[in-house]
Amino acid sequence: MARVEDEFRPVGVIKGGLLMLRPSDALKMVHRCRERGIGILGIDGFILTATSTQPAMEHSIDLSGSRKPASIVDGWDRAERFIAERAATDLFFEIVTDE
């Protein structure tokens, strides 16, 4: 089976080898990870322009504590809420998974 990230490459932007997604596509990727049982380790927000890639630390979250089976669902829930709260922004997100 192909990696989840590969499924979203056509709708994302590749910067420095990282797949960056708009909020709506990032949310879809989290949903796909949930469907396939893939944990979310973190989400990093970025401001992209034609000439720069600016990390936005205030729009990033570490979910690596969600790797335990009992808390993996909480990781998906937190990831979905985090992205949904930023749905109306121009941010791009890198979704880091345990895949």
N, C-alpha and C. Protein backbone atom coordinates (compact mmCIF):
# COMPACT_ATOMS: atom_id res chain seq x y z
N MET A 1 0.85 -1.18 0.00
CA MET A 1 0.00 0.00 0.00
C MET A 1 0.90 1.25 0.00
N ALA A 2 0.52 2.23 -0.76
CA ALA A 2 1.29 3.48 -0.85
C ALA A 2 1.22 4.25 0.46
N ARG A 3 2.24 5.03 0.70
CA ARG A 3 2.25 5.88 1.89
C ARG A 3 1.17 6.96 1.78
N VAL A 4 0.61 7.33 2.90
CA VAL A 4 -0.42 8.36 2.92
C VAL A 4 0.11 9.66 2.31
N GLU A 5 1.34 10.01 2.65
CA GLU A 5 1.92 11.25 2.12
C GLU A 5 1.92 11.27 0.60
N ASP A 6 2.20 10.13 -0.02
CA ASP A 6 2.23 10.06 -1.48
C ASP A 6 0.86 10.37 -2.09
N GLU A 7 -0.19 9.99 -1.41
CA GLU A 7 -1.54 10.26 -1.88
C GLU A 7 -1.82 11.77 -1.96
N PHE A 8 -1.18 12.53 -1.07
CA PHE A 8 -1.47 13.97 -1.00
C PHE A 8 -0.45 14.85 -1.71
N ARG A 9 0.59 14.25 -2.26
CA ARG A 9 1.59 15.03 -2.99
C ARG A 9 0.99 15.86 -4.14
N PRO A 10 0.04 15.31 -4.91
CA PRO A 10 -0.50 16.10 -6.03
C PRO A 10 -1.22 17.39 -5.60
N VAL A 11 -1.70 17.46 -4.37
CA VAL A 11 -2.43 18.66 -3.94
C VAL A 11 -1.60 19.55 -3.03
N GLY A 12 -0.37 19.13 -2.73
CA GLY A 12 0.48 19.88 -1.83
C GLY A 12 1.56 20.67 -2.54
N VAL A 13 2.41 21.27 -1.74
CA VAL A 13 3.57 22.01 -2.20
C VAL A 13 4.78 21.35 -1.56
N ILE A 14 5.81 21.09 -2.34
CA ILE A 14 7.03 20.49 -1.81
C ILE A 14 8.06 21.61 -1.62
N LYS A 15 8.50 21.78 -0.39
CA LYS A 15 9.52 22.78 -0.05
C LYS A 15 10.58 22.08 0.78
N GLY A 16 11.82 22.11 0.32
CA GLY A 16 12.90 21.47 1.05
C GLY A 16 12.66 19.98 1.27
N GLY A 17 11.95 19.36 0.34
CA GLY A 17 11.65 17.94 0.44
C GLY A 17 10.47 17.62 1.34
N LEU A 18 9.85 18.63 1.94
CA LEU A 18 8.70 18.43 2.83
C LEU A 18 7.39 18.70 2.10
N LEU A 19 6.41 17.86 2.36
CA LEU A 19 5.07 18.06 1.80
C LEU A 19 4.31 19.03 2.68
N MET A 20 3.85 20.13 2.10
CA MET A 20 3.09 21.13 2.83
C MET A 20 1.69 21.22 2.22
N LEU A 21 0.70 21.21 3.09
CA LEU A 21 -0.69 21.18 2.65
C LEU A 21 -1.48 22.36 3.19
N ARG A 22 -2.41 22.83 2.39
CA ARG A 22 -3.37 23.83 2.86
C ARG A 22 -4.23 23.18 3.95
N PRO A 23 -4.87 23.97 4.82
CA PRO A 23 -5.63 23.40 5.92
C PRO A 23 -6.66 22.33 5.51
N SER A 24 -7.40 22.55 4.44
CA SER A 24 -8.43 21.58 4.05
C SER A 24 -7.81 20.24 3.66
N ASP A 25 -6.69 20.29 2.95
CA ASP A 25 -6.02 19.04 2.56
C ASP A 25 -5.30 18.40 3.74
N ALA A 26 -4.76 19.21 4.64
CA ALA A 26 -4.12 18.67 5.85
C ALA A 26 -5.15 17.92 6.68
N LEU A 27 -6.35 18.47 6.78
CA LEU A 27 -7.42 17.81 7.52
C LEU A 27 -7.79 16.49 6.86
N LYS A 28 -7.85 16.46 5.55
CA LYS A 28 -8.13 15.22 4.82
C LYS A 28 -7.04 14.18 5.07
N MET A 29 -5.80 14.62 5.15
CA MET A 29 -4.71 13.69 5.41
C MET A 29 -4.82 13.10 6.81
N VAL A 30 -5.18 13.92 7.79
CA VAL A 30 -5.39 13.40 9.15
C VAL A 30 -6.52 12.38 9.15
N HIS A 31 -7.60 12.66 8.44
CA HIS A 31 -8.72 11.70 8.35
C HIS A 31 -8.25 10.39 7.72
N ARG A 32 -7.44 10.48 6.67
CA ARG A 32 -6.93 9.27 6.02
C ARG A 32 -6.03 8.49 6.99
N CYS A 33 -5.22 9.19 7.75
CA CYS A 33 -4.38 8.52 8.75
C CYS A 33 -5.24 7.79 9.78
N ARG A 34 -6.31 8.42 10.20
CA ARG A 34 -7.23 7.77 11.15
C ARG A 34 -7.80 6.49 10.53
N GLU A 35 -8.25 6.59 9.28
CA GLU A 35 -8.83 5.41 8.60
C GLU A 35 -7.83 4.26 8.53
N ARG A 36 -6.55 4.58 8.35
CA ARG A 36 -5.53 3.55 8.18
C ARG A 36 -4.78 3.21 9.47
N GLY A 37 -5.14 3.86 10.57
CA GLY A 37 -4.50 3.56 11.85
C GLY A 37 -3.09 4.11 11.97
N ILE A 38 -2.79 5.17 11.25
CA ILE A 38 -1.46 5.79 11.27
C ILE A 38 -1.47 6.94 12.27
N GLY A 39 -0.55 6.90 13.21
CA GLY A 39 -0.48 7.95 14.23
C GLY A 39 0.07 9.26 13.70
N ILE A 40 -0.37 10.35 14.31
CA ILE A 40 0.12 11.68 13.99
C ILE A 40 1.10 12.08 15.09
N LEU A 41 2.35 12.36 14.71
CA LEU A 41 3.37 12.73 15.68
C LEU A 41 3.46 14.23 15.89
N GLY A 42 3.06 14.99 14.88
CA GLY A 42 3.11 16.43 15.00
C GLY A 42 2.62 17.12 13.75
N ILE A 43 2.37 18.40 13.91
CA ILE A 43 1.94 19.25 12.80
C ILE A 43 2.76 20.53 12.88
N ASP A 44 3.37 20.89 11.77
CA ASP A 44 4.17 22.11 11.72
C ASP A 44 3.54 23.07 10.74
N GLY A 45 3.29 24.29 11.20
CA GLY A 45 2.70 25.32 10.36
C GLY A 45 3.76 26.17 9.70
N PHE A 46 3.48 26.60 8.47
CA PHE A 46 4.41 27.41 7.70
C PHE A 46 3.66 28.52 6.96
N ILE A 47 4.36 29.62 6.79
CA ILE A 47 3.89 30.69 5.92
C ILE A 47 4.76 30.61 4.67
N LEU A 48 4.12 30.37 3.54
CA LEU A 48 4.85 30.23 2.28
C LEU A 48 4.62 31.46 1.41
N THR A 49 5.70 31.94 0.82
CA THR A 49 5.61 33.00 -0.19
C THR A 49 6.37 32.52 -1.41
N ALA A 50 6.39 33.30 -2.44
CA ALA A 50 7.11 32.92 -3.66
C ALA A 50 8.60 32.78 -3.40
N THR A 51 9.11 33.47 -2.39
CA THR A 51 10.55 33.47 -2.16
C THR A 51 10.98 32.93 -0.80
N SER A 52 10.03 32.57 0.07
CA SER A 52 10.44 32.13 1.40
C SER A 52 9.51 31.07 1.98
N THR A 53 10.07 30.32 2.93
CA THR A 53 9.32 29.35 3.72
C THR A 53 9.59 29.70 5.18
N GLN A 54 8.58 30.24 5.85
CA GLN A 54 8.75 30.72 7.22
C GLN A 54 8.03 29.80 8.20
N PRO A 55 8.77 29.10 9.07
CA PRO A 55 8.10 28.29 10.09
C PRO A 55 7.26 29.19 10.99
N ALA A 56 6.12 28.71 11.39
CA ALA A 56 5.23 29.44 12.29
C ALA A 56 5.05 28.59 13.55
N MET A 57 5.97 28.74 14.48
CA MET A 57 5.99 27.88 15.66
C MET A 57 4.69 27.96 16.47
N GLU A 58 4.03 29.11 16.47
CA GLU A 58 2.78 29.25 17.19
C GLU A 58 1.64 28.47 16.52
N HIS A 59 1.91 27.97 15.32
CA HIS A 59 0.94 27.16 14.58
C HIS A 59 1.48 25.75 14.36
N SER A 60 2.22 25.27 15.35
CA SER A 60 2.77 23.91 15.31
C SER A 60 2.41 23.22 16.62
N ILE A 61 2.31 21.89 16.56
CA ILE A 61 1.94 21.13 17.75
C ILE A 61 2.67 19.79 17.75
N ASP A 62 3.17 19.41 18.92
CA ASP A 62 3.85 18.13 19.11
C ASP A 62 2.83 17.14 19.65
N LEU A 63 2.58 16.09 18.90
CA LEU A 63 1.63 15.05 19.31
C LEU A 63 2.34 13.72 19.53
N SER A 64 3.66 13.74 19.65
CA SER A 64 4.41 12.49 19.75
C SER A 64 4.04 11.68 20.98
N GLY A 65 3.47 12.30 22.00
CA GLY A 65 2.99 11.56 23.17
C GLY A 65 1.77 10.72 22.86
N SER A 66 1.20 10.88 21.66
CA SER A 66 0.00 10.15 21.25
C SER A 66 0.33 8.83 20.58
N ARG A 67 1.55 8.34 20.71
CA ARG A 67 1.96 7.12 20.03
C ARG A 67 1.43 5.86 20.71
N LYS A 68 1.10 5.96 21.99
CA LYS A 68 0.60 4.79 22.70
C LYS A 68 -0.78 4.44 22.17
N PRO A 69 -1.08 3.15 22.06
CA PRO A 69 -2.39 2.76 21.50
C PRO A 69 -3.58 3.44 22.17
N ALA A 70 -3.52 3.61 23.47
CA ALA A 70 -4.66 4.21 24.18
C ALA A 70 -4.84 5.68 23.84
N SER A 71 -3.79 6.34 23.39
CA SER A 71 -3.91 7.77 23.13
C SER A 71 -3.82 8.15 21.65
N ILE A 72 -3.70 7.16 20.77
CA ILE A 72 -3.59 7.48 19.34
C ILE A 72 -4.87 8.18 18.84
N VAL A 73 -6.02 7.79 19.37
CA VAL A 73 -7.29 8.44 18.97
C VAL A 73 -7.26 9.89 19.42
N ASP A 74 -6.75 10.15 20.62
CA ASP A 74 -6.64 11.52 21.10
C ASP A 74 -5.74 12.33 20.18
N GLY A 75 -4.69 11.72 19.65
CA GLY A 75 -3.80 12.41 18.71
C GLY A 75 -4.53 12.83 17.45
N TRP A 76 -5.34 11.93 16.91
CA TRP A 76 -6.12 12.29 15.71
C TRP A 76 -7.11 13.40 16.03
N ASP A 77 -7.81 13.28 17.17
CA ASP A 77 -8.78 14.29 17.57
C ASP A 77 -8.11 15.65 17.75
N ARG A 78 -6.97 15.68 18.43
CA ARG A 78 -6.25 16.93 18.66
C ARG A 78 -5.75 17.51 17.34
N ALA A 79 -5.26 16.67 16.44
CA ALA A 79 -4.79 17.14 15.13
C ALA A 79 -5.93 17.76 14.34
N GLU A 80 -7.08 17.10 14.34
CA GLU A 80 -8.24 17.63 13.61
C GLU A 80 -8.68 18.97 14.18
N ARG A 81 -8.75 19.09 15.50
CA ARG A 81 -9.15 20.36 16.13
C ARG A 81 -8.13 21.45 15.81
N PHE A 82 -6.85 21.11 15.92
CA PHE A 82 -5.78 22.07 15.68
C PHE A 82 -5.87 22.66 14.27
N ILE A 83 -6.03 21.80 13.29
CA ILE A 83 -6.11 22.27 11.90
C ILE A 83 -7.42 23.02 11.66
N ALA A 84 -8.52 22.48 12.18
CA ALA A 84 -9.83 23.13 11.99
C ALA A 84 -9.84 24.56 12.54
N GLU A 85 -9.15 24.78 13.65
CA GLU A 85 -9.07 26.12 14.24
C GLU A 85 -8.32 27.10 13.33
N ARG A 86 -7.56 26.58 12.37
CA ARG A 86 -6.77 27.41 11.47
C ARG A 86 -7.25 27.28 10.02
N ALA A 87 -8.44 26.78 9.84
CA ALA A 87 -8.97 26.49 8.50
C ALA A 87 -9.07 27.73 7.62
N ALA A 88 -9.31 28.88 8.20
CA ALA A 88 -9.51 30.10 7.41
C ALA A 88 -8.22 30.89 7.23
N THR A 89 -7.08 30.26 7.44
CA THR A 89 -5.80 30.96 7.32
C THR A 89 -5.13 30.62 5.99
N ASP A 90 -4.04 31.31 5.72
CA ASP A 90 -3.22 31.03 4.54
C ASP A 90 -2.03 30.14 4.88
N LEU A 91 -2.07 29.52 6.05
CA LEU A 91 -0.98 28.65 6.48
C LEU A 91 -0.93 27.37 5.66
N PHE A 92 0.25 26.78 5.63
CA PHE A 92 0.45 25.44 5.08
C PHE A 92 0.95 24.58 6.23
N PHE A 93 0.62 23.28 6.19
CA PHE A 93 0.99 22.38 7.25
C PHE A 93 1.75 21.17 6.75
N GLU A 94 2.78 20.81 7.51
CA GLU A 94 3.45 19.53 7.33
C GLU A 94 2.88 18.61 8.40
N ILE A 95 2.39 17.44 7.99
CA ILE A 95 1.86 16.44 8.92
C ILE A 95 2.93 15.38 9.10
N VAL A 96 3.40 15.21 10.33
CA VAL A 96 4.43 14.21 10.61
C VAL A 96 3.72 12.99 11.20
N THR A 97 3.89 11.85 10.53
CA THR A 97 3.20 10.62 10.95
C THR A 97 4.21 9.58 11.44
N ASP A 98 3.69 8.51 12.00
CA ASP A 98 4.56 7.41 12.41
C ASP A 98 4.61 6.31 11.33
N GLU A 99 4.19 6.65 10.15
CA GLU A 99 4.20 5.70 9.03
C GLU A 99 5.62 5.47 8.53
